[in-house]
PDB file of all heavy atoms in Angstrom:
ATOM      1  N   ALA A   1      41.996 109.225 122.374  1.00  0.00           N
ATOM      2  CA  ALA A   1      43.316 109.639 121.915  1.00  0.00           C
ATOM      3  C   ALA A   1      43.375 111.133 121.600  1.00  0.00           C
ATOM      4  O   ALA A   1      44.409 111.734 121.902  1.00  0.00           O
ATOM      5  CB  ALA A   1      43.650 108.761 120.702  1.00  0.00           C
ATOM      6  N   PRO A   2      42.389 111.752 120.842  1.00  0.00           N
ATOM      7  CA  PRO A   2      42.485 113.149 120.566  1.00  0.00           C
ATOM      8  C   PRO A   2      42.587 114.005 121.757  1.00  0.00           C
ATOM      9  O   PRO A   2      43.263 115.088 121.699  1.00  0.00           O
ATOM     10  CB  PRO A   2      41.173 113.431 119.812  1.00  0.00           C
ATOM     11  CG  PRO A   2      40.836 112.072 119.241  1.00  0.00           C
ATOM     12  CD  PRO A   2      41.149 111.143 120.230  1.00  0.00           C
ATOM     13  N   SER A   3      42.074 113.627 122.903  1.00  0.00           N
ATOM     14  CA  SER A   3      42.093 114.458 124.116  1.00  0.00           C
ATOM     15  C   SER A   3      43.314 114.088 124.988  1.00  0.00           C
ATOM     16  O   SER A   3      43.415 114.680 126.094  1.00  0.00           O
ATOM     17  CB  SER A   3      40.837 114.287 124.830  1.00  0.00           C
ATOM     18  OG  SER A   3      40.637 112.945 125.281  1.00  0.00           O
ATOM     19  N   LEU A   4      44.106 113.143 124.563  1.00  0.00           N
ATOM     20  CA  LEU A   4      45.237 112.737 125.380  1.00  0.00           C
ATOM     21  C   LEU A   4      46.459 112.776 124.496  1.00  0.00           C
ATOM     22  O   LEU A   4      47.137 111.724 124.222  1.00  0.00           O
ATOM     23  CB  LEU A   4      45.102 111.299 125.936  1.00  0.00           C
ATOM     24  CG  LEU A   4      43.875 111.077 126.816  1.00  0.00           C
ATOM     25  CD1 LEU A   4      43.678 109.615 127.146  1.00  0.00           C
ATOM     26  CD2 LEU A   4      44.022 111.881 128.126  1.00  0.00           C
ATOM     27  N   PRO A   5      46.922 113.934 124.016  1.00  0.00           N
ATOM     28  CA  PRO A   5      48.025 114.120 123.118  1.00  0.00           C
ATOM     29  C   PRO A   5      49.423 113.839 123.663  1.00  0.00           C
ATOM     30  O   PRO A   5      50.295 113.583 122.956  1.00  0.00           O
ATOM     31  CB  PRO A   5      47.890 115.494 122.566  1.00  0.00           C
ATOM     32  CG  PRO A   5      47.306 116.266 123.722  1.00  0.00           C
ATOM     33  CD  PRO A   5      46.302 115.232 124.389  1.00  0.00           C
ATOM     34  N   THR A   6      49.526 113.963 125.022  1.00  0.00           N
ATOM     35  CA  THR A   6      50.820 113.829 125.653  1.00  0.00           C
ATOM     36  C   THR A   6      50.766 113.041 126.886  1.00  0.00           C
ATOM     37  O   THR A   6      49.702 112.716 127.435  1.00  0.00           O
ATOM     38  CB  THR A   6      51.422 115.256 125.996  1.00  0.00           C
ATOM     39  OG1 THR A   6      50.510 115.845 126.973  1.00  0.00           O
ATOM     40  CG2 THR A   6      51.533 116.152 124.786  1.00  0.00           C
ATOM     41  N   VAL A   7      51.907 112.635 127.428  1.00  0.00           N
ATOM     42  CA  VAL A   7      52.013 111.991 128.749  1.00  0.00           C
ATOM     43  C   VAL A   7      51.387 112.925 129.805  1.00  0.00           C
ATOM     44  O   VAL A   7      50.679 112.387 130.731  1.00  0.00           O
ATOM     45  CB  VAL A   7      53.406 111.597 129.123  1.00  0.00           C
ATOM     46  CG1 VAL A   7      53.511 110.966 130.464  1.00  0.00           C
ATOM     47  CG2 VAL A   7      53.972 110.624 128.046  1.00  0.00           C
ATOM     48  N   ALA A   8      51.730 114.145 129.721  1.00  0.00           N
ATOM     49  CA  ALA A   8      51.237 115.111 130.766  1.00  0.00           C
ATOM     50  C   ALA A   8      49.745 115.127 130.821  1.00  0.00           C
ATOM     51  O   ALA A   8      49.127 115.210 131.872  1.00  0.00           O
ATOM     52  CB  ALA A   8      51.826 116.530 130.481  1.00  0.00           C
ATOM     53  N   SER A   9      49.139 115.065 129.583  1.00  0.00           N
ATOM     54  CA  SER A   9      47.634 115.065 129.580  1.00  0.00           C
ATOM     55  C   SER A   9      47.062 113.897 130.181  1.00  0.00           C
ATOM     56  O   SER A   9      46.037 113.868 130.836  1.00  0.00           O
ATOM     57  CB  SER A   9      47.179 115.196 128.140  1.00  0.00           C
ATOM     58  OG  SER A   9      47.495 114.101 127.297  1.00  0.00           O
ATOM     59  N   VAL A  10      47.751 112.714 129.991  1.00  0.00           N
ATOM     60  CA  VAL A  10      47.284 111.447 130.631  1.00  0.00           C
ATOM     61  C   VAL A  10      47.367 111.573 132.165  1.00  0.00           C
ATOM     62  O   VAL A  10      46.510 111.212 132.903  1.00  0.00           O
ATOM     63  CB  VAL A  10      48.043 110.290 130.098  1.00  0.00           C
ATOM     64  CG1 VAL A  10      47.757 108.965 130.889  1.00  0.00           C
ATOM     65  CG2 VAL A  10      47.792 110.034 128.592  1.00  0.00           C
ATOM     66  N   LEU A  11      48.565 112.025 132.598  1.00  0.00           N
ATOM     67  CA  LEU A  11      48.754 112.157 134.095  1.00  0.00           C
ATOM     68  C   LEU A  11      47.741 113.149 134.679  1.00  0.00           C
ATOM     69  O   LEU A  11      47.303 112.916 135.792  1.00  0.00           O
ATOM     70  CB  LEU A  11      50.194 112.702 134.373  1.00  0.00           C
ATOM     71  CG  LEU A  11      51.232 111.648 133.945  1.00  0.00           C
ATOM     72  CD1 LEU A  11      52.672 112.290 134.163  1.00  0.00           C
ATOM     73  CD2 LEU A  11      51.207 110.415 134.761  1.00  0.00           C
ATOM     74  N   HIS A  12      47.465 114.201 133.938  1.00  0.00           N
ATOM     75  CA  HIS A  12      46.478 115.173 134.433  1.00  0.00           C
ATOM     76  C   HIS A  12      45.019 114.605 134.510  1.00  0.00           C
ATOM     77  O   HIS A  12      44.331 114.736 135.484  1.00  0.00           O
ATOM     78  CB  HIS A  12      46.446 116.438 133.572  1.00  0.00           C
ATOM     79  CG  HIS A  12      45.499 117.439 133.959  1.00  0.00           C
ATOM     80  ND1 HIS A  12      45.641 118.216 135.100  1.00  0.00           N
ATOM     81  CD2 HIS A  12      44.343 117.877 133.404  1.00  0.00           C
ATOM     82  CE1 HIS A  12      44.585 119.033 135.247  1.00  0.00           C
ATOM     83  NE2 HIS A  12      43.818 118.888 134.187  1.00  0.00           N
ATOM     84  N   ARG A  13      44.635 113.911 133.414  1.00  0.00           N
ATOM     85  CA  ARG A  13      43.256 113.382 133.362  1.00  0.00           C
ATOM     86  C   ARG A  13      43.062 112.194 134.268  1.00  0.00           C
ATOM     87  O   ARG A  13      41.983 111.991 134.711  1.00  0.00           O
ATOM     88  CB  ARG A  13      42.976 112.959 131.891  1.00  0.00           C
ATOM     89  CG  ARG A  13      42.886 114.101 130.891  1.00  0.00           C
ATOM     90  CD  ARG A  13      41.421 114.620 131.021  1.00  0.00           C
ATOM     91  NE  ARG A  13      40.370 113.634 130.649  1.00  0.00           N
ATOM     92  CZ  ARG A  13      40.032 113.388 129.381  1.00  0.00           C
ATOM     93  NH1 ARG A  13      40.600 114.021 128.389  1.00  0.00           N
ATOM     94  NH2 ARG A  13      39.069 112.502 129.232  1.00  0.00           N
ATOM     95  N   LYS A  14      44.120 111.408 134.524  1.00  0.00           N
ATOM     96  CA  LYS A  14      43.920 110.180 135.365  1.00  0.00           C
ATOM     97  C   LYS A  14      43.467 110.483 136.743  1.00  0.00           C
ATOM     98  O   LYS A  14      42.861 109.638 137.374  1.00  0.00           O
ATOM     99  CB  LYS A  14      45.130 109.269 135.330  1.00  0.00           C
ATOM    100  CG  LYS A  14      46.270 109.752 136.147  1.00  0.00           C
ATOM    101  CD  LYS A  14      47.415 108.772 136.066  1.00  0.00           C
ATOM    102  CE  LYS A  14      48.571 109.172 137.102  1.00  0.00           C
ATOM    103  NZ  LYS A  14      48.188 108.998 138.525  1.00  0.00           N
ATOM    104  N   ALA A  15      43.761 111.737 137.157  1.00  0.00           N
ATOM    105  CA  ALA A  15      43.434 112.067 138.531  1.00  0.00           C
ATOM    106  C   ALA A  15      41.921 112.277 138.678  1.00  0.00           C
ATOM    107  O   ALA A  15      41.338 112.194 139.811  1.00  0.00           O
ATOM    108  CB  ALA A  15      44.164 113.322 138.945  1.00  0.00           C
ATOM    109  N   ARG A  16      41.184 112.571 137.570  1.00  0.00           N
ATOM    110  CA  ARG A  16      39.743 112.847 137.598  1.00  0.00           C
ATOM    111  C   ARG A  16      39.003 111.904 136.878  1.00  0.00           C
ATOM    112  O   ARG A  16      37.716 111.885 136.975  1.00  0.00           O
ATOM    113  CB  ARG A  16      39.589 114.324 137.022  1.00  0.00           C
ATOM    114  CG  ARG A  16      40.260 115.360 137.832  1.00  0.00           C
ATOM    115  CD  ARG A  16      40.034 116.731 137.124  1.00  0.00           C
ATOM    116  NE  ARG A  16      40.585 116.755 135.804  1.00  0.00           N
ATOM    117  CZ  ARG A  16      40.406 117.700 134.902  1.00  0.00           C
ATOM    118  NH1 ARG A  16      39.647 118.716 135.209  1.00  0.00           N
ATOM    119  NH2 ARG A  16      40.933 117.705 133.714  1.00  0.00           N
ATOM    120  N   ASN A  17      39.585 111.069 135.946  1.00  0.00           N
ATOM    121  CA  ASN A  17      38.897 110.177 135.108  1.00  0.00           C
ATOM    122  C   ASN A  17      39.232 108.812 135.362  1.00  0.00           C
ATOM    123  O   ASN A  17      40.349 108.371 135.197  1.00  0.00           O
ATOM    124  CB  ASN A  17      39.174 110.463 133.623  1.00  0.00           C
ATOM    125  CG  ASN A  17      38.375 109.726 132.642  1.00  0.00           C
ATOM    126  OD1 ASN A  17      38.376 108.537 132.649  1.00  0.00           O
ATOM    127  ND2 ASN A  17      37.645 110.461 131.766  1.00  0.00           N
ATOM    128  N   ARG A  18      38.215 108.049 135.836  1.00  0.00           N
ATOM    129  CA  ARG A  18      38.498 106.640 136.269  1.00  0.00           C
ATOM    130  C   ARG A  18      38.949 105.785 135.107  1.00  0.00           C
ATOM    131  O   ARG A  18      39.857 104.875 135.228  1.00  0.00           O
ATOM    132  CB  ARG A  18      37.230 106.016 136.896  1.00  0.00           C
ATOM    133  CG  ARG A  18      37.387 104.652 137.401  1.00  0.00           C
ATOM    134  CD  ARG A  18      36.087 104.153 138.087  1.00  0.00           C
ATOM    135  NE  ARG A  18      36.288 102.745 138.543  1.00  0.00           N
ATOM    136  CZ  ARG A  18      35.985 101.689 137.904  1.00  0.00           C
ATOM    137  NH1 ARG A  18      35.599 101.791 136.673  1.00  0.00           N
ATOM    138  NH2 ARG A  18      36.197 100.534 138.386  1.00  0.00           N
ATOM    139  N   GLN A  19      38.366 105.984 133.955  1.00  0.00           N
ATOM    140  CA  GLN A  19      38.712 105.155 132.758  1.00  0.00           C
ATOM    141  C   GLN A  19      40.177 105.393 132.380  1.00  0.00           C
ATOM    142  O   GLN A  19      40.933 104.394 132.037  1.00  0.00           O
ATOM    143  CB  GLN A  19      37.829 105.614 131.582  1.00  0.00           C
ATOM    144  CG  GLN A  19      37.999 104.668 130.309  1.00  0.00           C
ATOM    145  CD  GLN A  19      37.021 105.071 129.237  1.00  0.00           C
ATOM    146  OE1 GLN A  19      36.415 106.148 129.239  1.00  0.00           O
ATOM    147  NE2 GLN A  19      36.948 104.263 128.201  1.00  0.00           N
ATOM    148  N   VAL A  20      40.636 106.672 132.419  1.00  0.00           N
ATOM    149  CA  VAL A  20      42.021 106.994 132.067  1.00  0.00           C
ATOM    150  C   VAL A  20      42.949 106.415 133.163  1.00  0.00           C
ATOM    151  O   VAL A  20      44.006 105.861 132.906  1.00  0.00           O
ATOM    152  CB  VAL A  20      42.214 108.450 131.945  1.00  0.00           C
ATOM    153  CG1 VAL A  20      43.742 108.837 131.757  1.00  0.00           C
ATOM    154  CG2 VAL A  20      41.396 109.017 130.759  1.00  0.00           C
ATOM    155  N   ARG A  21      42.552 106.548 134.437  1.00  0.00           N
ATOM    156  CA  ARG A  21      43.358 106.025 135.551  1.00  0.00           C
ATOM    157  C   ARG A  21      43.540 104.466 135.388  1.00  0.00           C
ATOM    158  O   ARG A  21      44.616 104.008 135.569  1.00  0.00           O
ATOM    159  CB  ARG A  21      42.704 106.370 136.873  1.00  0.00           C
ATOM    160  CG  ARG A  21      43.601 105.923 138.049  1.00  0.00           C
ATOM    161  CD  ARG A  21      42.938 106.299 139.376  1.00  0.00           C
ATOM    162  NE  ARG A  21      41.748 105.562 139.720  1.00  0.00           N
ATOM    163  CZ  ARG A  21      40.510 106.067 139.646  1.00  0.00           C
ATOM    164  NH1 ARG A  21      40.385 107.299 139.279  1.00  0.00           N
ATOM    165  NH2 ARG A  21      39.428 105.379 139.970  1.00  0.00           N
ATOM    166  N   LEU A  22      42.490 103.796 135.130  1.00  0.00           N
ATOM    167  CA  LEU A  22      42.599 102.326 135.024  1.00  0.00           C
ATOM    168  C   LEU A  22      43.483 101.936 133.805  1.00  0.00           C
ATOM    169  O   LEU A  22      44.267 100.984 133.864  1.00  0.00           O
ATOM    170  CB  LEU A  22      41.263 101.696 134.885  1.00  0.00           C
ATOM    171  CG  LEU A  22      40.312 101.808 136.123  1.00  0.00           C
ATOM    172  CD1 LEU A  22      38.961 101.178 135.814  1.00  0.00           C
ATOM    173  CD2 LEU A  22      40.965 101.067 137.266  1.00  0.00           C
ATOM    174  N   ALA A  23      43.344 102.644 132.731  1.00  0.00           N
ATOM    175  CA  ALA A  23      44.178 102.437 131.499  1.00  0.00           C
ATOM    176  C   ALA A  23      45.626 102.651 131.870  1.00  0.00           C
ATOM    177  O   ALA A  23      46.523 101.920 131.415  1.00  0.00           O
ATOM    178  CB  ALA A  23      43.713 103.251 130.305  1.00  0.00           C
ATOM    179  N   TRP A  24      45.915 103.789 132.540  1.00  0.00           N
ATOM    180  CA  TRP A  24      47.308 104.064 132.927  1.00  0.00           C
ATOM    181  C   TRP A  24      47.817 102.981 133.865  1.00  0.00           C
ATOM    182  O   TRP A  24      48.986 102.557 133.566  1.00  0.00           O
ATOM    183  CB  TRP A  24      47.328 105.396 133.629  1.00  0.00           C
ATOM    184  CG  TRP A  24      48.691 105.813 134.211  1.00  0.00           C
ATOM    185  CD1 TRP A  24      49.034 105.760 135.492  1.00  0.00           C
ATOM    186  CD2 TRP A  24      49.772 106.288 133.436  1.00  0.00           C
ATOM    187  NE1 TRP A  24      50.370 106.166 135.653  1.00  0.00           N
ATOM    188  CE2 TRP A  24      50.811 106.491 134.407  1.00  0.00           C
ATOM    189  CE3 TRP A  24      50.007 106.524 132.088  1.00  0.00           C
ATOM    190  CZ2 TRP A  24      52.071 106.978 133.992  1.00  0.00           C
ATOM    191  CZ3 TRP A  24      51.283 107.073 131.707  1.00  0.00           C
ATOM    192  CH2 TRP A  24      52.304 107.242 132.707  1.00  0.00           C
ATOM    193  N   GLU A  25      47.078 102.614 134.860  1.00  0.00           N
ATOM    194  CA  GLU A  25      47.573 101.516 135.746  1.00  0.00           C
ATOM    195  C   GLU A  25      47.835 100.223 135.005  1.00  0.00           C
ATOM    196  O   GLU A  25      48.798  99.525 135.304  1.00  0.00           O
ATOM    197  CB  GLU A  25      46.608 101.373 136.905  1.00  0.00           C
ATOM    198  CG  GLU A  25      46.527 102.503 137.851  1.00  0.00           C
ATOM    199  CD  GLU A  25      45.347 102.430 138.835  1.00  0.00           C
ATOM    200  OE1 GLU A  25      44.572 101.497 138.739  1.00  0.00           O
ATOM    201  OE2 GLU A  25      45.264 103.319 139.727  1.00  0.00           O
ATOM    202  N   SER A  26      46.934  99.898 134.080  1.00  0.00           N
ATOM    203  CA  SER A  26      47.114  98.715 133.274  1.00  0.00           C
ATOM    204  C   SER A  26      48.357  98.776 132.415  1.00  0.00           C
ATOM    205  O   SER A  26      49.029  97.788 132.195  1.00  0.00           O
ATOM    206  CB  SER A  26      45.858  98.516 132.430  1.00  0.00           C
ATOM    207  OG  SER A  26      46.004  97.381 131.580  1.00  0.00           O
ATOM    208  N   ALA A  27      48.623 100.006 131.839  1.00  0.00           N
ATOM    209  CA  ALA A  27      49.701 100.153 130.968  1.00  0.00           C
ATOM    210  C   ALA A  27      51.017  99.934 131.773  1.00  0.00           C
ATOM    211  O   ALA A  27      52.002  99.280 131.284  1.00  0.00           O
ATOM    212  CB  ALA A  27      49.735 101.550 130.380  1.00  0.00           C
ATOM    213  N   LEU A  28      51.104 100.541 132.982  1.00  0.00           N
ATOM    214  CA  LEU A  28      52.280 100.346 133.816  1.00  0.00           C
ATOM    215  C   LEU A  28      52.481  98.921 134.167  1.00  0.00           C
ATOM    216  O   LEU A  28      53.632  98.363 134.107  1.00  0.00           O
ATOM    217  CB  LEU A  28      52.145 101.170 135.115  1.00  0.00           C
ATOM    218  CG  LEU A  28      52.101 102.707 135.033  1.00  0.00           C
ATOM    219  CD1 LEU A  28      52.142 103.300 136.363  1.00  0.00           C
ATOM    220  CD2 LEU A  28      53.258 103.164 134.090  1.00  0.00           C
ATOM    221  N   GLN A  29      51.408  98.158 134.463  1.00  0.00           N
ATOM    222  CA  GLN A  29      51.507  96.740 134.768  1.00  0.00           C
ATOM    223  C   GLN A  29      51.987  95.936 133.514  1.00  0.00           C
ATOM    224  O   GLN A  29      52.818  95.082 133.678  1.00  0.00           O
ATOM    225  CB  GLN A  29      50.140  96.197 135.213  1.00  0.00           C
ATOM    226  CG  GLN A  29      50.142  94.765 135.637  1.00  0.00           C
ATOM    227  CD  GLN A  29      48.842  94.336 136.255  1.00  0.00           C
ATOM    228  OE1 GLN A  29      47.855  94.977 136.167  1.00  0.00           O
ATOM    229  NE2 GLN A  29      48.808  93.162 136.835  1.00  0.00           N
ATOM    230  N   ASP A  30      51.481  96.295 132.355  1.00  0.00           N
ATOM    231  CA  ASP A  30      51.924  95.637 131.083  1.00  0.00           C
ATOM    232  C   ASP A  30      53.386  95.836 130.965  1.00  0.00           C
ATOM    233  O   ASP A  30      54.078  94.880 130.390  1.00  0.00           O
ATOM    234  CB  ASP A  30      51.133  96.173 129.969  1.00  0.00           C
ATOM    235  CG  ASP A  30      49.691  95.833 129.914  1.00  0.00           C
ATOM    236  OD1 ASP A  30      49.296  94.927 130.743  1.00  0.00           O
ATOM    237  OD2 ASP A  30      48.965  96.361 129.120  1.00  0.00           O
ATOM    238  N   LEU A  31      53.901  97.002 131.228  1.00  0.00           N
ATOM    239  CA  LEU A  31      55.301  97.290 130.975  1.00  0.00           C
ATOM    240  C   LEU A  31      56.274  96.951 132.183  1.00  0.00           C
ATOM    241  O   LEU A  31      57.502  97.100 131.994  1.00  0.00           O
ATOM    242  CB  LEU A  31      55.448  98.754 130.645  1.00  0.00           C
ATOM    243  CG  LEU A  31      54.767  99.230 129.363  1.00  0.00           C
ATOM    244  CD1 LEU A  31      54.842 100.739 129.224  1.00  0.00           C
ATOM    245  CD2 LEU A  31      55.386  98.572 128.177  1.00  0.00           C
ATOM    246  N   GLY A  32      55.663  96.432 133.233  1.00  0.00           N
ATOM    247  CA  GLY A  32      56.495  96.117 134.377  1.00  0.00           C
ATOM    248  C   GLY A  32      57.005  97.311 135.188  1.00  0.00           C
ATOM    249  O   GLY A  32      58.030  97.172 135.853  1.00  0.00           O
ATOM    250  N   LEU A  33      56.255  98.429 135.087  1.00  0.00           N
ATOM    251  CA  LEU A  33      56.659  99.611 135.783  1.00  0.00           C
ATOM    252  C   LEU A  33      55.712  99.929 136.960  1.00  0.00           C
ATOM    253  O   LEU A  33      54.669  99.377 137.078  1.00  0.00           O
ATOM    254  CB  LEU A  33      56.567 100.822 134.818  1.00  0.00           C
ATOM    255  CG  LEU A  33      57.520 100.749 133.575  1.00  0.00           C
ATOM    256  CD1 LEU A  33      57.170 101.859 132.586  1.00  0.00           C
ATOM    257  CD2 LEU A  33      58.994 100.883 134.037  1.00  0.00           C
ATOM    258  N   SER A  34      56.208 100.831 137.930  1.00  0.00           N
ATOM    259  CA  SER A  34      55.400 101.242 138.997  1.00  0.00           C
ATOM    260  C   SER A  34      55.255 102.803 138.941  1.00  0.00           C
ATOM    261  O   SER A  34      56.015 103.487 138.184  1.00  0.00           O
ATOM    262  CB  SER A  34      56.041 100.818 140.318  1.00  0.00           C
ATOM    263  OG  SER A  34      57.238 101.599 140.479  1.00  0.00           O
ATOM    264  N   SER A  35      54.353 103.320 139.760  1.00  0.00           N
ATOM    265  CA  SER A  35      54.135 104.714 139.796  1.00  0.00           C
ATOM    266  C   SER A  35      55.410 105.408 140.329  1.00  0.00           C
ATOM    267  O   SER A  35      55.736 106.531 139.962  1.00  0.00           O
ATOM    268  CB  SER A  35      52.923 105.050 140.704  1.00  0.00           C
ATOM    269  OG  SER A  35      53.116 104.544 142.039  1.00  0.00           O
TER     270      SER A  35
END
């Protein structure tokens, strides 16, 4: 959480970090959203 203060930071990190990418994809699925 301290290294992901904004949505932009999540979007930036998910391109290089598998853990963040999987969490992002899971969050979208939980909310019924798509990329």
